[in-house]
Amino acid sequence: AGANNTVYLFGSVHLLPEGGFAIGGALAEAYGDAEEVCFEVDSSKLDPATTATITLARAVDPEGRNLFELLGPAADRARATAAAAGIEIAQFAPFEPWFAGLTISVMALQQHGYDVEHGVEQIIEASADRDGKARCGLETLDYQLGMLDGMPAELQEKLLMQSLEEAGEIDAMIKPMLAAWTGGNPLFLEEA
């Protein structure tokens, strides 16, 4: 809070089950006070074609190497871990490890009813549009994806392997985190 304005910061969850989030309580008060609502990325500035172009430019190796070439010696371990999890990893061959890992995690969540359409951003964006509130983005999609794309190879490999290992247990893993987020328990979230 300053002399002229107050900024509220709200941590969100990108994918939730239907009915998993509603604007209420202190958030409703902050939202009601807000003249402008800012998001990580303002989706109103993106269309599907631009989103696809930016994503593919980052998700595909500019040198034309496929997932398994990029993984090198870890490729066989990734194939075995994917097979054990019942994931057909060959469908991710055109992509870099970070993108394959994120996509696998999102697909696992979607299988348990979690969806971006029920996520915090979509609900607040729809409310802001309905209420005529100004919107802004703190980052661009290209900036966000560029951070992931710029991760060192060993971190990309780790992200992919973690996604493969957790895919079958993701519902059990996410429920305690969501309970901590819903209950406002940041200490649990920091440890998780």
Protein backbone atom coordinates (compact mmCIF):
# COMPACT_ATOMS: atom_id res chain seq x y z
CA ALA A 1 0.00 0.00 0.00
CA GLY A 2 1.22 3.45 -0.86
CA ALA A 3 -0.04 6.99 -0.58
CA ASN A 4 -2.04 6.71 -3.80
CA ASN A 5 -2.84 3.05 -4.32
CA THR A 6 -2.78 -0.51 -3.05
CA VAL A 7 -1.51 -3.54 -4.92
CA TYR A 8 -2.86 -6.96 -4.02
CA LEU A 9 -0.92 -10.10 -4.96
CA PHE A 10 -2.78 -13.39 -5.30
CA GLY A 11 -1.10 -16.73 -5.97
CA SER A 12 -3.06 -18.84 -8.41
CA VAL A 13 -3.48 -22.41 -9.58
CA HIS A 14 -3.59 -22.82 -13.35
CA LEU A 15 -5.63 -26.04 -13.56
CA LEU A 16 -8.49 -26.87 -11.22
CA PRO A 17 -11.50 -29.18 -11.19
CA GLU A 18 -14.86 -27.67 -12.05
CA GLY A 19 -16.08 -25.61 -9.10
CA GLY A 20 -12.59 -25.57 -7.55
CA PHE A 21 -12.41 -21.81 -7.33
CA ALA A 22 -14.71 -18.85 -6.81
CA ILE A 23 -13.95 -15.22 -6.08
CA GLY A 24 -14.92 -14.73 -2.46
CA GLY A 25 -13.87 -13.42 0.95
CA ALA A 26 -10.84 -11.12 1.07
CA LEU A 27 -10.17 -11.81 -2.61
CA ALA A 28 -13.61 -10.50 -3.53
CA GLU A 29 -12.90 -7.33 -1.56
CA ALA A 30 -9.52 -6.85 -3.24
CA TYR A 31 -11.02 -7.57 -6.64
CA GLY A 32 -13.83 -5.09 -5.99
CA ASP A 33 -11.26 -2.40 -5.09
CA ALA A 34 -9.11 -3.10 -8.14
CA GLU A 35 -9.18 -0.66 -11.02
CA GLU A 36 -6.90 -2.92 -13.06
CA VAL A 37 -6.33 -6.67 -12.88
CA CYS A 38 -2.93 -7.95 -13.97
CA PHE A 39 -2.04 -11.53 -14.84
CA GLU A 40 1.20 -13.36 -15.54
CA VAL A 41 0.23 -13.15 -19.22
CA ASP A 42 -2.77 -11.19 -20.45
CA SER A 43 -4.54 -13.75 -22.62
CA SER A 44 -6.69 -11.04 -24.20
CA LYS A 45 -3.58 -10.01 -26.12
CA LEU A 46 -3.16 -13.52 -27.59
CA ASP A 47 -5.04 -15.35 -30.29
CA PRO A 48 -4.77 -19.12 -30.89
CA ALA A 49 -2.56 -18.73 -33.97
CA THR A 50 -0.09 -16.45 -32.18
CA THR A 51 -0.05 -18.72 -29.13
CA ALA A 52 0.67 -21.77 -31.32
CA THR A 53 3.41 -19.96 -33.23
CA ILE A 54 5.17 -18.75 -30.08
CA THR A 55 4.82 -22.11 -28.36
CA LEU A 56 6.13 -24.16 -31.29
CA ALA A 57 9.05 -21.79 -31.79
CA ARG A 58 10.11 -22.49 -28.21
CA ALA A 59 9.05 -26.16 -27.90
CA VAL A 60 10.94 -27.44 -30.95
CA ASP A 61 14.73 -27.52 -31.00
CA PRO A 62 16.02 -24.91 -33.47
CA GLU A 63 18.75 -27.33 -34.58
CA GLY A 64 16.17 -29.99 -35.47
CA ARG A 65 17.14 -32.49 -32.77
CA ASN A 66 14.32 -34.61 -31.40
CA LEU A 67 13.53 -35.39 -27.77
CA PHE A 68 15.63 -38.53 -27.66
CA GLU A 69 18.64 -36.88 -29.28
CA LEU A 70 18.41 -34.06 -26.75
CA LEU A 71 18.18 -36.54 -23.88
CA GLY A 72 21.25 -38.43 -25.08
CA PRO A 73 22.19 -41.19 -22.61
CA ALA A 74 19.01 -40.54 -20.57
CA ALA A 75 16.74 -41.43 -23.51
CA ASP A 76 16.51 -45.12 -22.61
CA ARG A 77 15.67 -44.29 -19.00
CA ALA A 78 12.96 -41.88 -20.19
CA ARG A 79 11.49 -44.56 -22.48
CA ALA A 80 11.47 -47.12 -19.64
CA THR A 81 9.95 -44.71 -17.13
CA ALA A 82 7.28 -43.68 -19.64
CA ALA A 83 6.46 -47.31 -20.43
CA ALA A 84 6.12 -48.09 -16.70
CA ALA A 85 3.72 -45.14 -16.38
CA GLY A 86 1.70 -46.20 -19.43
CA ILE A 87 2.72 -43.11 -21.39
CA GLU A 88 3.47 -43.30 -25.11
CA ILE A 89 6.54 -41.05 -25.10
CA ALA A 90 7.13 -41.34 -28.86
CA GLN A 91 4.34 -38.78 -29.42
CA PHE A 92 6.59 -36.18 -27.77
CA ALA A 93 9.59 -36.90 -30.02
CA PRO A 94 9.36 -33.57 -31.94
CA PHE A 95 9.69 -31.54 -28.74
CA GLU A 96 12.31 -30.46 -26.25
CA PRO A 97 12.32 -32.17 -22.82
CA TRP A 98 10.87 -29.21 -20.90
CA PHE A 99 7.83 -29.04 -23.19
CA ALA A 100 7.30 -32.81 -23.11
CA GLY A 101 7.47 -32.76 -19.31
CA LEU A 102 4.97 -29.94 -18.89
CA THR A 103 2.60 -31.49 -21.42
CA ILE A 104 2.74 -34.87 -19.66
CA SER A 105 1.93 -33.21 -16.31
CA VAL A 106 -0.99 -31.26 -17.79
CA MET A 107 -2.37 -34.39 -19.50
CA ALA A 108 -2.12 -36.33 -16.22
CA LEU A 109 -4.04 -33.60 -14.40
CA GLN A 110 -6.68 -33.46 -17.13
CA GLN A 111 -7.26 -37.19 -16.72
CA HIS A 112 -8.31 -36.43 -13.14
CA GLY A 113 -10.70 -33.60 -14.05
CA TYR A 114 -8.34 -30.65 -13.70
CA ASP A 115 -8.65 -28.13 -16.52
CA VAL A 116 -7.28 -24.71 -17.38
CA GLU A 117 -10.85 -23.55 -18.08
CA HIS A 118 -11.59 -23.89 -14.35
CA GLY A 119 -8.30 -22.30 -13.30
CA VAL A 120 -8.00 -19.08 -11.34
CA GLU A 121 -6.89 -16.94 -14.26
CA GLN A 122 -9.82 -17.87 -16.48
CA ILE A 123 -12.36 -17.17 -13.76
CA ILE A 124 -10.83 -13.81 -12.82
CA GLU A 125 -10.32 -12.88 -16.49
CA ALA A 126 -13.99 -13.59 -17.21
CA SER A 127 -15.03 -11.50 -14.21
CA ALA A 128 -12.75 -8.62 -15.22
CA ASP A 129 -14.18 -8.67 -18.74
CA ARG A 130 -17.73 -8.80 -17.44
CA ASP A 131 -17.06 -5.97 -14.98
CA GLY A 132 -15.18 -3.81 -17.48
CA LYS A 133 -11.96 -3.78 -15.45
CA ALA A 134 -8.73 -2.92 -17.25
CA ARG A 135 -6.35 -5.83 -17.71
CA CYS A 136 -2.60 -6.10 -18.10
CA GLY A 137 0.11 -8.74 -18.33
CA LEU A 138 3.25 -8.79 -16.21
CA GLU A 139 5.08 -10.98 -18.72
CA THR A 140 4.68 -12.14 -22.29
CA LEU A 141 4.07 -15.73 -23.33
CA ASP A 142 7.36 -15.72 -25.21
CA TYR A 143 9.19 -14.53 -22.09
CA GLN A 144 7.66 -17.28 -19.94
CA LEU A 145 8.34 -20.01 -22.47
CA GLY A 146 11.79 -18.59 -23.09
CA MET A 147 12.68 -19.12 -19.43
CA LEU A 148 11.68 -22.78 -19.71
CA ASP A 149 13.33 -23.17 -23.09
CA GLY A 150 16.51 -21.64 -21.69
CA MET A 151 16.84 -24.11 -18.83
CA PRO A 152 20.06 -26.14 -18.91
CA ALA A 153 19.75 -29.61 -20.46
CA GLU A 154 20.10 -31.38 -17.10
CA LEU A 155 17.19 -29.40 -15.61
CA GLN A 156 15.02 -30.11 -18.65
CA GLU A 157 15.81 -33.80 -18.28
CA LYS A 158 14.97 -33.65 -14.57
CA LEU A 159 11.64 -31.94 -15.30
CA LEU A 160 10.72 -34.59 -17.86
CA MET A 161 11.72 -37.50 -15.62
CA GLN A 162 9.82 -36.04 -12.67
CA SER A 163 6.72 -35.59 -14.85
CA LEU A 164 6.94 -39.20 -16.02
CA GLU A 165 7.47 -40.54 -12.51
CA GLU A 166 4.63 -38.50 -11.00
CA ALA A 167 2.07 -38.89 -13.79
CA GLY A 168 0.36 -41.89 -12.21
CA GLU A 169 0.26 -40.34 -8.73
CA ILE A 170 -0.49 -36.75 -9.67
CA ASP A 171 -4.00 -36.69 -8.23
CA ALA A 172 -2.79 -37.88 -4.82
CA MET A 173 0.09 -35.40 -4.97
CA ILE A 174 -1.95 -32.36 -6.01
CA LYS A 175 -4.81 -32.75 -3.50
CA PRO A 176 -2.75 -31.83 -0.40
CA MET A 177 -1.23 -28.88 -2.29
CA LEU A 178 -4.67 -27.64 -3.30
CA ALA A 179 -5.91 -28.03 0.26
CA ALA A 180 -2.95 -25.96 1.48
CA TRP A 181 -3.55 -23.32 -1.21
CA THR A 182 -7.29 -23.17 -0.47
CA GLY A 183 -6.59 -22.97 3.27
CA GLY A 184 -3.92 -20.30 2.84
CA ASN A 185 -1.09 -22.46 4.21
CA PRO A 186 2.07 -21.09 2.54
CA LEU A 187 4.43 -23.09 4.77
CA PHE A 188 3.08 -26.37 3.39
CA LEU A 189 3.39 -25.07 -0.15
CA GLU A 190 6.99 -23.99 0.40
CA GLU A 191 7.86 -27.47 1.67
CA ALA A 192 5.91 -29.34 -1.05
